[in-house]
């Protein structure tokens, strides 16, 4: 079971990383080609959000750092 968990987490982290790289490349390419600023900004925002998701998955699934919601619940208890 633990092996399966790690495999699934690793695959998900890889997909998030690949999606980030694509969004980052697309933002740079569109900006360099003089594309619309709102498109570049949207891709940059998605890149940041994917990075945050990657970090959150690492923290919660691998390092067992409680999420902000869990920390608030613990503090209220």
N, C-alpha and C. Protein backbone atom coordinates (compact mmCIF):
# COMPACT_ATOMS: atom_id res chain seq x y z
N UNK A 1 0.82 -1.20 0.00
CA UNK A 1 0.00 0.00 0.00
C UNK A 1 0.87 1.26 0.00
N UNK A 2 1.91 1.27 0.82
CA UNK A 2 2.78 2.46 0.88
C UNK A 2 3.47 2.66 -0.45
N UNK A 3 3.90 1.58 -1.09
CA UNK A 3 4.55 1.70 -2.40
C UNK A 3 3.62 2.32 -3.41
N UNK A 4 2.35 1.89 -3.40
CA UNK A 4 1.36 2.44 -4.32
C UNK A 4 1.14 3.92 -4.04
N UNK A 5 1.05 4.29 -2.77
CA UNK A 5 0.87 5.70 -2.41
C UNK A 5 2.00 6.54 -2.95
N UNK A 6 3.24 6.08 -2.76
CA UNK A 6 4.39 6.85 -3.23
C UNK A 6 4.41 6.95 -4.75
N UNK A 7 4.04 5.87 -5.43
CA UNK A 7 4.00 5.91 -6.90
C UNK A 7 2.99 6.93 -7.39
N UNK A 8 1.81 6.92 -6.79
CA UNK A 8 0.75 7.84 -7.21
C UNK A 8 1.14 9.29 -6.90
N UNK A 9 1.73 9.52 -5.75
CA UNK A 9 2.17 10.87 -5.39
C UNK A 9 3.25 11.33 -6.36
N UNK A 10 4.23 10.46 -6.63
CA UNK A 10 5.30 10.81 -7.56
C UNK A 10 4.76 11.15 -8.94
N UNK A 11 3.79 10.35 -9.43
CA UNK A 11 3.20 10.63 -10.75
C UNK A 11 2.48 11.97 -10.76
N UNK A 12 1.76 12.24 -9.69
CA UNK A 12 1.03 13.50 -9.61
C UNK A 12 2.00 14.68 -9.55
N UNK A 13 3.06 14.55 -8.76
CA UNK A 13 4.07 15.61 -8.69
C UNK A 13 4.72 15.83 -10.05
N UNK A 14 4.99 14.76 -10.76
CA UNK A 14 5.59 14.87 -12.09
C UNK A 14 4.64 15.61 -13.05
N UNK A 15 3.36 15.25 -13.01
CA UNK A 15 2.40 15.92 -13.88
C UNK A 15 2.29 17.41 -13.55
N UNK A 16 2.27 17.74 -12.28
CA UNK A 16 2.24 19.15 -11.87
C UNK A 16 3.48 19.88 -12.37
N UNK A 17 4.65 19.25 -12.24
CA UNK A 17 5.90 19.87 -12.70
C UNK A 17 5.88 20.09 -14.21
N UNK A 18 5.42 19.08 -14.95
CA UNK A 18 5.36 19.21 -16.40
C UNK A 18 4.39 20.31 -16.82
N UNK A 19 3.24 20.38 -16.15
CA UNK A 19 2.26 21.42 -16.47
C UNK A 19 2.83 22.80 -16.18
N UNK A 20 3.56 22.92 -15.07
CA UNK A 20 4.22 24.20 -14.73
C UNK A 20 5.20 24.60 -15.82
N UNK A 21 6.03 23.66 -16.24
CA UNK A 21 7.02 23.95 -17.27
C UNK A 21 6.35 24.41 -18.57
N UNK A 22 5.24 23.77 -18.93
CA UNK A 22 4.53 24.15 -20.14
C UNK A 22 3.96 25.55 -20.02
N UNK A 23 3.34 25.83 -18.87
CA UNK A 23 2.76 27.16 -18.66
C UNK A 23 3.84 28.23 -18.68
N UNK A 24 4.97 27.94 -18.06
CA UNK A 24 6.08 28.89 -18.02
C UNK A 24 6.62 29.14 -19.44
N UNK A 25 6.84 28.06 -20.19
CA UNK A 25 7.33 28.19 -21.57
C UNK A 25 6.35 28.97 -22.43
N UNK A 26 5.08 28.65 -22.27
CA UNK A 26 4.05 29.33 -23.08
C UNK A 26 4.01 30.81 -22.76
N UNK A 27 4.09 31.16 -21.49
CA UNK A 27 4.08 32.58 -21.10
C UNK A 27 5.27 33.32 -21.72
N UNK A 28 6.43 32.69 -21.64
CA UNK A 28 7.63 33.33 -22.22
C UNK A 28 7.50 33.48 -23.73
N UNK A 29 7.03 32.42 -24.39
CA UNK A 29 6.93 32.45 -25.85
C UNK A 29 5.91 33.50 -26.31
N UNK A 30 4.79 33.56 -25.63
CA UNK A 30 3.75 34.52 -26.01
C UNK A 30 4.23 35.94 -25.75
N UNK A 31 4.90 36.15 -24.61
CA UNK A 31 5.43 37.48 -24.29
C UNK A 31 6.48 37.90 -25.32
N UNK A 32 7.37 36.97 -25.70
CA UNK A 32 8.42 37.28 -26.67
C UNK A 32 7.85 37.58 -28.04
N UNK A 33 6.71 36.97 -28.35
CA UNK A 33 6.08 37.19 -29.65
C UNK A 33 5.18 38.42 -29.65
N UNK A 34 5.13 39.11 -28.51
CA UNK A 34 4.30 40.30 -28.43
C UNK A 34 2.82 40.00 -28.23
N UNK A 35 2.55 38.86 -27.64
CA UNK A 35 1.16 38.45 -27.41
C UNK A 35 0.46 39.32 -26.38
N UNK A 36 -0.81 39.08 -26.22
CA UNK A 36 -1.63 39.88 -25.32
C UNK A 36 -1.19 39.68 -23.87
N UNK A 37 -1.11 40.79 -23.17
CA UNK A 37 -0.62 40.78 -21.79
C UNK A 37 -1.50 39.94 -20.88
N UNK A 38 -2.82 39.97 -21.09
CA UNK A 38 -3.69 39.20 -20.19
C UNK A 38 -3.49 37.70 -20.35
N UNK A 39 -3.09 37.26 -21.53
CA UNK A 39 -2.81 35.83 -21.74
C UNK A 39 -1.52 35.45 -21.01
N UNK A 40 -0.51 36.29 -21.15
CA UNK A 40 0.77 36.05 -20.45
C UNK A 40 0.54 36.03 -18.95
N UNK A 41 -0.22 36.99 -18.45
CA UNK A 41 -0.50 37.06 -17.01
C UNK A 41 -1.27 35.83 -16.53
N UNK A 42 -2.22 35.35 -17.32
CA UNK A 42 -2.99 34.16 -16.95
C UNK A 42 -2.08 32.94 -16.85
N UNK A 43 -1.19 32.79 -17.82
CA UNK A 43 -0.26 31.66 -17.80
C UNK A 43 0.71 31.77 -16.63
N UNK A 44 1.17 32.96 -16.34
CA UNK A 44 2.07 33.14 -15.19
C UNK A 44 1.35 32.84 -13.88
N UNK A 45 0.09 33.22 -13.80
CA UNK A 45 -0.70 32.94 -12.59
C UNK A 45 -0.89 31.43 -12.43
N UNK A 46 -1.21 30.75 -13.52
CA UNK A 46 -1.37 29.30 -13.48
C UNK A 46 -0.05 28.63 -13.06
N UNK A 47 1.06 29.13 -13.56
CA UNK A 47 2.37 28.60 -13.17
C UNK A 47 2.56 28.71 -11.66
N UNK A 48 2.24 29.87 -11.10
CA UNK A 48 2.37 30.06 -9.64
C UNK A 48 1.43 29.15 -8.87
N UNK A 49 0.21 29.00 -9.37
CA UNK A 49 -0.77 28.15 -8.69
C UNK A 49 -0.35 26.68 -8.73
N UNK A 50 0.18 26.25 -9.86
CA UNK A 50 0.67 24.87 -9.96
C UNK A 50 1.84 24.64 -9.02
N UNK A 51 2.71 25.62 -8.91
CA UNK A 51 3.83 25.51 -7.96
C UNK A 51 3.30 25.39 -6.54
N UNK A 52 2.30 26.18 -6.20
CA UNK A 52 1.70 26.11 -4.86
C UNK A 52 1.07 24.74 -4.63
N UNK A 53 0.41 24.19 -5.63
CA UNK A 53 -0.19 22.86 -5.49
C UNK A 53 0.90 21.81 -5.29
N UNK A 54 1.98 21.92 -6.04
CA UNK A 54 3.11 20.99 -5.92
C UNK A 54 3.66 21.03 -4.50
N UNK A 55 3.88 22.23 -4.00
CA UNK A 55 4.42 22.39 -2.63
C UNK A 55 3.44 21.83 -1.59
N UNK A 56 2.15 22.12 -1.78
CA UNK A 56 1.14 21.65 -0.83
C UNK A 56 1.09 20.13 -0.80
N UNK A 57 1.14 19.50 -1.96
CA UNK A 57 1.13 18.03 -2.01
C UNK A 57 2.38 17.47 -1.33
N UNK A 58 3.53 18.07 -1.60
CA UNK A 58 4.76 17.63 -0.93
C UNK A 58 4.63 17.76 0.58
N UNK A 59 4.17 18.92 1.03
CA UNK A 59 4.05 19.17 2.47
C UNK A 59 3.08 18.21 3.14
N UNK A 60 1.91 18.06 2.55
CA UNK A 60 0.86 17.28 3.20
C UNK A 60 1.03 15.78 3.05
N UNK A 61 1.50 15.33 1.88
CA UNK A 61 1.57 13.89 1.63
C UNK A 61 2.92 13.28 1.97
N UNK A 62 3.98 14.05 1.83
CA UNK A 62 5.31 13.49 2.07
C UNK A 62 5.88 13.92 3.40
N UNK A 63 5.80 15.21 3.69
CA UNK A 63 6.40 15.72 4.92
C UNK A 63 5.41 15.79 6.08
N UNK A 64 4.14 15.50 5.82
CA UNK A 64 3.08 15.46 6.84
C UNK A 64 2.90 16.79 7.56
N UNK A 65 3.12 17.89 6.84
CA UNK A 65 2.87 19.22 7.41
C UNK A 65 1.37 19.47 7.30
N UNK A 66 0.69 19.75 8.41
CA UNK A 66 -0.76 19.99 8.32
C UNK A 66 -1.08 21.22 7.47
N UNK A 67 -2.21 21.14 6.78
CA UNK A 67 -2.66 22.28 5.99
C UNK A 67 -3.08 23.40 6.93
N UNK A 68 -3.27 24.58 6.38
CA UNK A 68 -3.69 25.73 7.19
C UNK A 68 -5.02 25.44 7.87
N UNK A 69 -5.94 24.77 7.16
CA UNK A 69 -7.24 24.43 7.74
C UNK A 69 -7.06 23.46 8.92
N UNK A 70 -6.18 22.49 8.76
CA UNK A 70 -5.94 21.53 9.84
C UNK A 70 -5.28 22.22 11.03
N UNK A 71 -4.37 23.14 10.77
CA UNK A 71 -3.71 23.86 11.86
C UNK A 71 -4.72 24.70 12.63
N UNK A 72 -5.65 25.36 11.90
CA UNK A 72 -6.68 26.15 12.56
C UNK A 72 -7.59 25.26 13.40
N UNK A 73 -7.92 24.09 12.88
CA UNK A 73 -8.78 23.17 13.63
C UNK A 73 -8.07 22.69 14.89
N UNK A 74 -6.77 22.43 14.79
CA UNK A 74 -6.00 21.99 15.95
C UNK A 74 -5.94 23.10 16.99
N UNK A 75 -5.79 24.34 16.53
CA UNK A 75 -5.70 25.48 17.45
C UNK A 75 -7.01 25.73 18.16
N UNK A 76 -8.13 25.41 17.50
CA UNK A 76 -9.44 25.63 18.11
C UNK A 76 -9.80 24.54 19.10
N UNK A 77 -9.12 23.41 19.01
CA UNK A 77 -9.45 22.26 19.88
C UNK A 77 -8.95 22.44 21.29
